[in-house]
Amino acid sequence: MADPSLADLSTAEWAILAPGLCIVIAVSAWLSVIDWREHRLPNRIVGPLAAGVAAWIVVLGLATNDFGRSLSALGWGFTGFAVFFVLHLVAGLGMGDVKYAWPVCATLGWFGWDSLRVALFGLVIAGGIVGLIVSLQGKGRNHRVAYGPCMALGLTCGIVSGLLV
């Protein structure tokens, strides 16, 4: 079953969706700057972002009378967290990235699988470009790469895709 079109949202529903998206994107940009400079995604920012996204998604479900969509979005958040946790265990992905995956995937989960797929594609392309640059610079395999900015870029691509559908 397809998610209801965003064109069907009322003004009141848009008044909940739009500011939440702006906050998620702004905080993601802030996290990207921190990760780029310090190679970490601080819990003091990621934790409140995750809590805020969870509350926002529940409010969206209540406002749109589509709590099933909210549960699906929250489920996508947990799925993203689980996948990134496995990548942490087998590929050395940082725990900050793992924790950040929850609000990213939950936000995208509101828009559905197509937005998640677009975000994943953007994330992989951005990560590949960064990896190629690091490789061309002659840095070894143990060089740490800030993956938060790639995740934020994927998030933004997914949101734009979700808004355009």
N, C-alpha and C. Protein backbone atom coordinates (compact mmCIF):
# COMPACT_ATOMS: atom_id res chain seq x y z
N MET A 1 0.84 -1.18 0.00
CA MET A 1 0.00 0.00 0.00
C MET A 1 0.89 1.24 0.00
N ALA A 2 0.63 2.16 -0.89
CA ALA A 2 1.44 3.37 -1.00
C ALA A 2 1.08 4.36 0.11
N ASP A 3 2.09 5.11 0.54
CA ASP A 3 1.84 6.15 1.53
C ASP A 3 0.99 7.24 0.90
N PRO A 4 0.15 7.89 1.71
CA PRO A 4 -0.64 8.99 1.18
C PRO A 4 0.28 10.07 0.59
N SER A 5 -0.19 10.71 -0.44
CA SER A 5 0.59 11.75 -1.09
C SER A 5 0.78 12.94 -0.16
N LEU A 6 1.93 13.56 -0.25
CA LEU A 6 2.17 14.77 0.53
C LEU A 6 1.26 15.90 0.07
N ALA A 7 0.80 15.83 -1.16
CA ALA A 7 -0.12 16.84 -1.67
C ALA A 7 -1.45 16.79 -0.93
N ASP A 8 -1.75 15.65 -0.30
CA ASP A 8 -3.00 15.50 0.43
C ASP A 8 -2.93 16.05 1.85
N LEU A 9 -1.75 16.49 2.29
CA LEU A 9 -1.61 17.00 3.65
C LEU A 9 -2.28 18.36 3.79
N SER A 10 -2.91 18.56 4.93
CA SER A 10 -3.53 19.85 5.22
C SER A 10 -2.47 20.87 5.62
N THR A 11 -2.88 22.12 5.70
CA THR A 11 -1.97 23.18 6.14
C THR A 11 -1.45 22.89 7.54
N ALA A 12 -2.32 22.41 8.42
CA ALA A 12 -1.90 22.09 9.79
C ALA A 12 -0.87 20.96 9.80
N GLU A 13 -1.07 19.97 8.93
CA GLU A 13 -0.12 18.85 8.86
C GLU A 13 1.23 19.33 8.31
N TRP A 14 1.19 20.20 7.31
CA TRP A 14 2.43 20.78 6.77
C TRP A 14 3.14 21.60 7.84
N ALA A 15 2.35 22.23 8.72
CA ALA A 15 2.93 23.06 9.78
C ALA A 15 3.69 22.22 10.79
N ILE A 16 3.45 20.92 10.82
CA ILE A 16 4.21 20.01 11.67
C ILE A 16 5.37 19.41 10.89
N LEU A 17 5.12 19.01 9.64
CA LEU A 17 6.14 18.35 8.83
C LEU A 17 7.30 19.28 8.49
N ALA A 18 7.02 20.45 7.96
CA ALA A 18 8.06 21.35 7.45
C ALA A 18 9.06 21.79 8.52
N PRO A 19 8.62 22.29 9.67
CA PRO A 19 9.62 22.71 10.67
C PRO A 19 10.48 21.53 11.16
N GLY A 20 9.85 20.37 11.30
CA GLY A 20 10.61 19.19 11.72
C GLY A 20 11.71 18.85 10.73
N LEU A 21 11.37 18.89 9.45
CA LEU A 21 12.38 18.61 8.42
C LEU A 21 13.50 19.64 8.46
N CYS A 22 13.13 20.90 8.63
CA CYS A 22 14.15 21.96 8.71
C CYS A 22 15.09 21.73 9.89
N ILE A 23 14.53 21.34 11.02
CA ILE A 23 15.36 21.08 12.20
C ILE A 23 16.28 19.89 11.97
N VAL A 24 15.74 18.81 11.42
CA VAL A 24 16.55 17.62 11.16
C VAL A 24 17.70 17.96 10.20
N ILE A 25 17.42 18.72 9.16
CA ILE A 25 18.46 19.08 8.20
C ILE A 25 19.48 20.02 8.84
N ALA A 26 19.03 20.98 9.62
CA ALA A 26 19.95 21.92 10.27
C ALA A 26 20.87 21.21 11.27
N VAL A 27 20.29 20.34 12.09
CA VAL A 27 21.11 19.60 13.06
C VAL A 27 22.07 18.66 12.33
N SER A 28 21.62 18.07 11.23
CA SER A 28 22.49 17.20 10.44
C SER A 28 23.65 17.97 9.84
N ALA A 29 23.40 19.18 9.41
CA ALA A 29 24.49 20.03 8.89
C ALA A 29 25.48 20.34 10.01
N TRP A 30 24.98 20.67 11.18
CA TRP A 30 25.83 20.94 12.35
C TRP A 30 26.67 19.71 12.70
N LEU A 31 26.03 18.54 12.72
CA LEU A 31 26.76 17.30 13.00
C LEU A 31 27.82 17.03 11.93
N SER A 32 27.51 17.36 10.70
CA SER A 32 28.47 17.15 9.60
C SER A 32 29.74 17.97 9.81
N VAL A 33 29.57 19.22 10.22
CA VAL A 33 30.72 20.09 10.47
C VAL A 33 31.56 19.52 11.62
N ILE A 34 30.89 19.11 12.68
CA ILE A 34 31.61 18.54 13.83
C ILE A 34 32.35 17.27 13.41
N ASP A 35 31.66 16.40 12.69
CA ASP A 35 32.28 15.13 12.28
C ASP A 35 33.46 15.38 11.34
N TRP A 36 33.32 16.32 10.43
CA TRP A 36 34.40 16.63 9.50
C TRP A 36 35.65 17.10 10.24
N ARG A 37 35.43 17.95 11.26
CA ARG A 37 36.55 18.51 12.02
C ARG A 37 37.12 17.55 13.06
N GLU A 38 36.24 16.85 13.77
CA GLU A 38 36.66 16.09 14.95
C GLU A 38 36.54 14.57 14.80
N HIS A 39 35.96 14.10 13.71
CA HIS A 39 35.74 12.67 13.48
C HIS A 39 34.93 12.04 14.61
N ARG A 40 33.87 12.72 15.00
CA ARG A 40 32.95 12.17 15.99
C ARG A 40 31.59 12.85 15.85
N LEU A 41 30.56 12.12 16.25
CA LEU A 41 29.20 12.64 16.29
C LEU A 41 28.77 12.59 17.76
N PRO A 42 28.78 13.73 18.42
CA PRO A 42 28.57 13.76 19.88
C PRO A 42 27.19 13.28 20.32
N ASN A 43 27.18 12.45 21.36
CA ASN A 43 25.92 11.96 21.93
C ASN A 43 25.03 13.10 22.41
N ARG A 44 25.64 14.19 22.87
CA ARG A 44 24.86 15.31 23.41
C ARG A 44 24.04 15.99 22.32
N ILE A 45 24.34 15.71 21.05
CA ILE A 45 23.56 16.25 19.94
C ILE A 45 22.72 15.15 19.30
N VAL A 46 23.32 13.98 19.06
CA VAL A 46 22.61 12.88 18.40
C VAL A 46 21.46 12.38 19.26
N GLY A 47 21.67 12.29 20.58
CA GLY A 47 20.61 11.79 21.47
C GLY A 47 19.36 12.65 21.43
N PRO A 48 19.48 13.97 21.65
CA PRO A 48 18.29 14.81 21.55
C PRO A 48 17.67 14.82 20.14
N LEU A 49 18.50 14.70 19.11
CA LEU A 49 17.97 14.63 17.75
C LEU A 49 17.10 13.38 17.61
N ALA A 50 17.59 12.25 18.09
CA ALA A 50 16.83 11.00 18.00
C ALA A 50 15.52 11.10 18.78
N ALA A 51 15.58 11.64 19.99
CA ALA A 51 14.37 11.79 20.80
C ALA A 51 13.38 12.74 20.13
N GLY A 52 13.90 13.83 19.59
CA GLY A 52 13.04 14.79 18.91
C GLY A 52 12.39 14.21 17.67
N VAL A 53 13.15 13.43 16.91
CA VAL A 53 12.60 12.80 15.70
C VAL A 53 11.51 11.81 16.10
N ALA A 54 11.74 11.03 17.16
CA ALA A 54 10.72 10.07 17.60
C ALA A 54 9.42 10.79 17.98
N ALA A 55 9.53 11.84 18.77
CA ALA A 55 8.34 12.59 19.18
C ALA A 55 7.65 13.23 17.98
N TRP A 56 8.44 13.81 17.09
CA TRP A 56 7.92 14.47 15.90
C TRP A 56 7.15 13.48 15.02
N ILE A 57 7.69 12.29 14.86
CA ILE A 57 7.04 11.28 14.02
C ILE A 57 5.73 10.82 14.65
N VAL A 58 5.70 10.68 15.96
CA VAL A 58 4.45 10.32 16.64
C VAL A 58 3.41 11.43 16.46
N VAL A 59 3.82 12.68 16.62
CA VAL A 59 2.90 13.81 16.43
C VAL A 59 2.41 13.85 14.98
N LEU A 60 3.30 13.59 14.03
CA LEU A 60 2.88 13.55 12.62
C LEU A 60 1.82 12.48 12.41
N GLY A 61 2.02 11.32 13.02
CA GLY A 61 1.04 10.24 12.88
C GLY A 61 -0.30 10.61 13.46
N LEU A 62 -0.29 11.28 14.60
CA LEU A 62 -1.54 11.72 15.21
C LEU A 62 -2.21 12.81 14.37
N ALA A 63 -1.41 13.75 13.86
CA ALA A 63 -1.96 14.86 13.08
C ALA A 63 -2.54 14.41 11.75
N THR A 64 -1.93 13.40 11.14
CA THR A 64 -2.40 12.91 9.84
C THR A 64 -3.37 11.74 9.98
N ASN A 65 -3.63 11.34 11.23
CA ASN A 65 -4.47 10.18 11.51
C ASN A 65 -3.94 8.94 10.81
N ASP A 66 -2.62 8.81 10.77
CA ASP A 66 -1.94 7.69 10.12
C ASP A 66 -0.83 7.19 11.04
N PHE A 67 -1.24 6.63 12.17
CA PHE A 67 -0.25 6.17 13.13
C PHE A 67 0.53 4.98 12.59
N GLY A 68 -0.05 4.24 11.66
CA GLY A 68 0.67 3.13 11.03
C GLY A 68 1.92 3.62 10.30
N ARG A 69 1.79 4.77 9.67
CA ARG A 69 2.94 5.37 8.98
C ARG A 69 4.01 5.76 10.00
N SER A 70 3.59 6.26 11.15
CA SER A 70 4.55 6.60 12.21
C SER A 70 5.27 5.35 12.70
N LEU A 71 4.52 4.28 12.93
CA LEU A 71 5.15 3.04 13.40
C LEU A 71 6.12 2.50 12.36
N SER A 72 5.75 2.61 11.10
CA SER A 72 6.65 2.18 10.03
C SER A 72 7.93 3.01 10.03
N ALA A 73 7.80 4.33 10.18
CA ALA A 73 8.98 5.21 10.20
C ALA A 73 9.88 4.87 11.38
N LEU A 74 9.28 4.67 12.55
CA LEU A 74 10.07 4.31 13.73
C LEU A 74 10.76 2.97 13.52
N GLY A 75 10.06 2.04 12.87
CA GLY A 75 10.66 0.74 12.55
C GLY A 75 11.84 0.87 11.61
N TRP A 76 11.73 1.77 10.62
CA TRP A 76 12.86 2.01 9.72
C TRP A 76 14.05 2.57 10.49
N GLY A 77 13.76 3.40 11.50
CA GLY A 77 14.85 3.92 12.33
C GLY A 77 15.60 2.80 13.02
N PHE A 78 14.85 1.86 13.61
CA PHE A 78 15.50 0.74 14.29
C PHE A 78 16.22 -0.18 13.30
N THR A 79 15.65 -0.34 12.11
CA THR A 79 16.30 -1.16 11.09
C THR A 79 17.62 -0.53 10.66
N GLY A 80 17.61 0.78 10.43
CA GLY A 80 18.85 1.48 10.06
C GLY A 80 19.89 1.37 11.15
N PHE A 81 19.47 1.53 12.40
CA PHE A 81 20.38 1.38 13.53
C PHE A 81 21.00 -0.01 13.53
N ALA A 82 20.17 -1.04 13.34
CA ALA A 82 20.66 -2.42 13.36
C ALA A 82 21.65 -2.68 12.22
N VAL A 83 21.34 -2.20 11.03
CA VAL A 83 22.25 -2.40 9.89
C VAL A 83 23.58 -1.70 10.14
N PHE A 84 23.52 -0.46 10.62
CA PHE A 84 24.76 0.27 10.89
C PHE A 84 25.53 -0.35 12.05
N PHE A 85 24.82 -0.94 13.01
CA PHE A 85 25.52 -1.62 14.11
C PHE A 85 26.28 -2.83 13.59
N VAL A 86 25.68 -3.57 12.67
CA VAL A 86 26.39 -4.71 12.06
C VAL A 86 27.62 -4.19 11.30
N LEU A 87 27.47 -3.07 10.58
CA LEU A 87 28.62 -2.48 9.89
C LEU A 87 29.70 -2.03 10.88
N HIS A 88 29.29 -1.59 12.05
CA HIS A 88 30.25 -1.25 13.10
C HIS A 88 31.04 -2.49 13.50
N LEU A 89 30.35 -3.60 13.66
CA LEU A 89 30.99 -4.83 14.11
C LEU A 89 31.92 -5.43 13.05
N VAL A 90 31.50 -5.38 11.79
CA VAL A 90 32.28 -6.07 10.75
C VAL A 90 33.18 -5.16 9.93
N ALA A 91 32.89 -3.86 9.91
CA ALA A 91 33.65 -2.97 9.03
C ALA A 91 34.25 -1.77 9.75
N GLY A 92 34.05 -1.69 11.05
CA GLY A 92 34.67 -0.61 11.81
C GLY A 92 33.98 0.73 11.71
N LEU A 93 32.73 0.77 11.30
CA LEU A 93 31.98 2.03 11.26
C LEU A 93 31.88 2.56 12.69
N GLY A 94 32.00 3.86 12.85
CA GLY A 94 31.98 4.45 14.18
C GLY A 94 30.62 4.36 14.86
N MET A 95 30.62 4.30 16.19
CA MET A 95 29.37 4.22 16.93
C MET A 95 28.54 5.50 16.79
N GLY A 96 29.18 6.64 16.58
CA GLY A 96 28.42 7.86 16.34
C GLY A 96 27.56 7.72 15.09
N ASP A 97 28.14 7.13 14.05
CA ASP A 97 27.39 6.90 12.81
C ASP A 97 26.23 5.94 13.06
N VAL A 98 26.48 4.93 13.88
CA VAL A 98 25.44 3.94 14.21
C VAL A 98 24.27 4.64 14.90
N LYS A 99 24.57 5.47 15.89
CA LYS A 99 23.51 6.17 16.63
C LYS A 99 22.80 7.20 15.75
N TYR A 100 23.54 7.86 14.89
CA TYR A 100 22.96 8.86 13.99
C TYR A 100 22.06 8.19 12.94
N ALA A 101 22.30 6.92 12.64
CA ALA A 101 21.48 6.21 11.66
C ALA A 101 20.01 6.15 12.08
N TRP A 102 19.75 6.11 13.40
CA TRP A 102 18.36 6.00 13.84
C TRP A 102 17.53 7.22 13.42
N PRO A 103 17.91 8.44 13.78
CA PRO A 103 17.07 9.58 13.36
C PRO A 103 17.05 9.77 11.84
N VAL A 104 18.15 9.45 11.18
CA VAL A 104 18.19 9.58 9.72
C VAL A 104 17.17 8.63 9.09
N CYS A 105 17.23 7.36 9.47
CA CYS A 105 16.34 6.37 8.85
C CYS A 105 14.89 6.54 9.28
N ALA A 106 14.67 6.97 10.51
CA ALA A 106 13.29 7.21 10.96
C ALA A 106 12.68 8.38 10.19
N THR A 107 13.46 9.44 10.00
CA THR A 107 12.96 10.58 9.22
C THR A 107 12.61 10.14 7.81
N LEU A 108 13.52 9.43 7.18
CA LEU A 108 13.28 8.97 5.82
C LEU A 108 12.15 7.94 5.77
N GLY A 109 12.02 7.16 6.83
CA GLY A 109 10.96 6.17 6.89
C GLY A 109 9.57 6.78 6.80
N TRP A 110 9.44 8.04 7.22
CA TRP A 110 8.14 8.71 7.10
C TRP A 110 7.72 8.81 5.63
N PHE A 111 8.72 8.98 4.75
CA PHE A 111 8.43 9.12 3.33
C PHE A 111 8.33 7.77 2.62
N GLY A 112 8.86 6.72 3.22
CA GLY A 112 8.75 5.38 2.64
C GLY A 112 10.04 4.87 2.02
N TRP A 113 9.94 3.66 1.50
CA TRP A 113 11.09 2.94 0.99
C TRP A 113 11.79 3.67 -0.14
N ASP A 114 11.04 4.32 -1.01
CA ASP A 114 11.67 5.01 -2.14
C ASP A 114 12.64 6.09 -1.66
N SER A 115 12.26 6.84 -0.64
CA SER A 115 13.16 7.88 -0.10
C SER A 115 14.37 7.25 0.57
N LEU A 116 14.15 6.15 1.26
CA LEU A 116 15.28 5.44 1.88
C LEU A 116 16.26 4.95 0.81
N ARG A 117 15.72 4.45 -0.27
CA ARG A 117 16.57 3.94 -1.36
C ARG A 117 17.38 5.08 -1.99
N VAL A 118 16.75 6.22 -2.24
CA VAL A 118 17.46 7.38 -2.80
C VAL A 118 18.56 7.83 -1.83
N ALA A 119 18.22 7.88 -0.53
CA ALA A 119 19.21 8.28 0.48
C ALA A 119 20.38 7.32 0.52
N LEU A 120 20.09 6.04 0.45
CA LEU A 120 21.16 5.03 0.47
C LEU A 120 22.07 5.20 -0.74
N PHE A 121 21.47 5.46 -1.90
CA PHE A 121 22.25 5.68 -3.11
C PHE A 121 23.16 6.91 -2.94
N GLY A 122 22.58 8.01 -2.43
CA GLY A 122 23.37 9.23 -2.21
C GLY A 122 24.48 9.00 -1.20
N LEU A 123 24.18 8.26 -0.14
CA LEU A 123 25.17 7.94 0.89
C LEU A 123 26.32 7.12 0.31
N VAL A 124 26.00 6.11 -0.46
CA VAL A 124 27.03 5.25 -1.04
C VAL A 124 27.89 6.02 -2.04
N ILE A 125 27.26 6.84 -2.88
CA ILE A 125 28.02 7.63 -3.85
C ILE A 125 28.95 8.61 -3.13
N ALA A 126 28.41 9.35 -2.14
CA ALA A 126 29.23 10.31 -1.39
C ALA A 126 30.37 9.60 -0.66
N GLY A 127 30.06 8.47 -0.02
CA GLY A 127 31.10 7.71 0.67
C GLY A 127 32.16 7.19 -0.28
N GLY A 128 31.74 6.76 -1.46
CA GLY A 128 32.69 6.29 -2.46
C GLY A 128 33.61 7.39 -2.95
N ILE A 129 33.05 8.57 -3.16
CA ILE A 129 33.86 9.71 -3.60
C ILE A 129 34.88 10.09 -2.53
N VAL A 130 34.42 10.14 -1.28
CA VAL A 130 35.35 10.46 -0.18
C VAL A 130 36.43 9.39 -0.09
N GLY A 131 36.04 8.13 -0.20
CA GLY A 131 37.02 7.04 -0.16
C GLY A 131 38.03 7.13 -1.29
N LEU A 132 37.56 7.48 -2.47
CA LEU A 132 38.45 7.62 -3.62
C LEU A 132 39.44 8.76 -3.39
N ILE A 133 38.95 9.88 -2.88
CA ILE A 133 39.83 11.02 -2.60
C ILE A 133 40.89 10.64 -1.58
N VAL A 134 40.48 9.97 -0.52
CA VAL A 134 41.42 9.53 0.51
C VAL A 134 42.46 8.59 -0.09
N SER A 135 42.01 7.70 -0.95
CA SER A 135 42.91 6.75 -1.61
C SER A 135 43.89 7.46 -2.53
N LEU A 136 43.40 8.44 -3.30
CA LEU A 136 44.27 9.18 -4.21
C LEU A 136 45.29 10.05 -3.47
N GLN A 137 44.96 10.41 -2.23
CA GLN A 137 45.89 11.18 -1.41
C GLN A 137 46.96 10.30 -0.79
N GLY A 138 46.85 9.00 -1.02
CA GLY A 138 47.86 8.07 -0.52
C GLY A 138 47.73 7.73 0.95
N LYS A 139 46.57 8.00 1.52
CA LYS A 139 46.36 7.68 2.93
C LYS A 139 46.03 6.20 3.04
N GLY A 140 46.48 5.58 4.09
CA GLY A 140 46.31 4.13 4.26
C GLY A 140 44.89 3.72 4.58
N ARG A 141 44.69 2.43 4.63
CA ARG A 141 43.37 1.87 4.92
C ARG A 141 42.89 2.21 6.31
N ASN A 142 43.81 2.51 7.20
CA ASN A 142 43.44 2.81 8.58
C ASN A 142 43.08 4.29 8.78
N HIS A 143 43.10 5.07 7.72
CA HIS A 143 42.74 6.48 7.82
C HIS A 143 41.25 6.60 8.16
N ARG A 144 40.94 7.39 9.16
CA ARG A 144 39.55 7.58 9.57
C ARG A 144 38.86 8.57 8.63
N VAL A 145 37.65 8.21 8.24
CA VAL A 145 36.86 9.05 7.36
C VAL A 145 35.60 9.48 8.10
N ALA A 146 35.29 10.74 8.03
CA ALA A 146 34.05 11.25 8.63
C ALA A 146 32.89 10.84 7.72
N TYR A 147 32.05 9.94 8.23
CA TYR A 147 30.95 9.42 7.42
C TYR A 147 29.65 10.18 7.67
N GLY A 148 29.58 10.97 8.76
CA GLY A 148 28.39 11.75 9.07
C GLY A 148 27.97 12.68 7.94
N PRO A 149 28.91 13.40 7.33
CA PRO A 149 28.51 14.26 6.21
C PRO A 149 27.90 13.49 5.04
N CYS A 150 28.40 12.30 4.78
CA CYS A 150 27.83 11.47 3.72
C CYS A 150 26.41 11.05 4.09
N MET A 151 26.22 10.72 5.37
CA MET A 151 24.88 10.35 5.84
C MET A 151 23.92 11.54 5.72
N ALA A 152 24.40 12.73 6.06
CA ALA A 152 23.57 13.94 5.98
C ALA A 152 23.21 14.24 4.53
N LEU A 153 24.16 14.04 3.62
CA LEU A 153 23.87 14.26 2.20
C LEU A 153 22.82 13.26 1.73
N GLY A 154 22.97 12.00 2.10
CA GLY A 154 21.97 10.99 1.75
C GLY A 154 20.60 11.33 2.32
N LEU A 155 20.58 11.78 3.57
CA LEU A 155 19.33 12.20 4.21
C LEU A 155 18.65 13.30 3.40
N THR A 156 19.42 14.30 3.03
CA THR A 156 18.87 15.43 2.27
C THR A 156 18.33 14.96 0.91
N CYS A 157 19.08 14.10 0.24
CA CYS A 157 18.60 13.55 -1.05
C CYS A 157 17.29 12.80 -0.86
N GLY A 158 17.21 11.99 0.19
CA GLY A 158 16.01 11.24 0.46
C GLY A 158 14.81 12.11 0.79
N ILE A 159 15.05 13.17 1.56
CA ILE A 159 13.96 14.10 1.89
C ILE A 159 13.46 14.80 0.64
N VAL A 160 14.38 15.29 -0.17
CA VAL A 160 13.99 15.97 -1.42
C VAL A 160 13.19 15.01 -2.29
N SER A 161 13.66 13.78 -2.40
CA SER A 161 12.94 12.78 -3.18
C SER A 161 11.54 12.56 -2.62
N GLY A 162 11.43 12.46 -1.30
CA GLY A 162 10.14 12.24 -0.67
C GLY A 162 9.18 13.40 -0.86
N LEU A 163 9.72 14.61 -0.87
CA LEU A 163 8.88 15.78 -1.07
C LEU A 163 8.42 15.93 -2.51
N LEU A 164 9.21 15.43 -3.44
CA LEU A 164 8.87 15.57 -4.85
C LEU A 164 7.89 14.51 -5.36
N VAL A 165 7.76 13.44 -4.63
CA VAL A 165 6.88 12.35 -5.09
C VAL A 165 5.44 12.66 -4.79
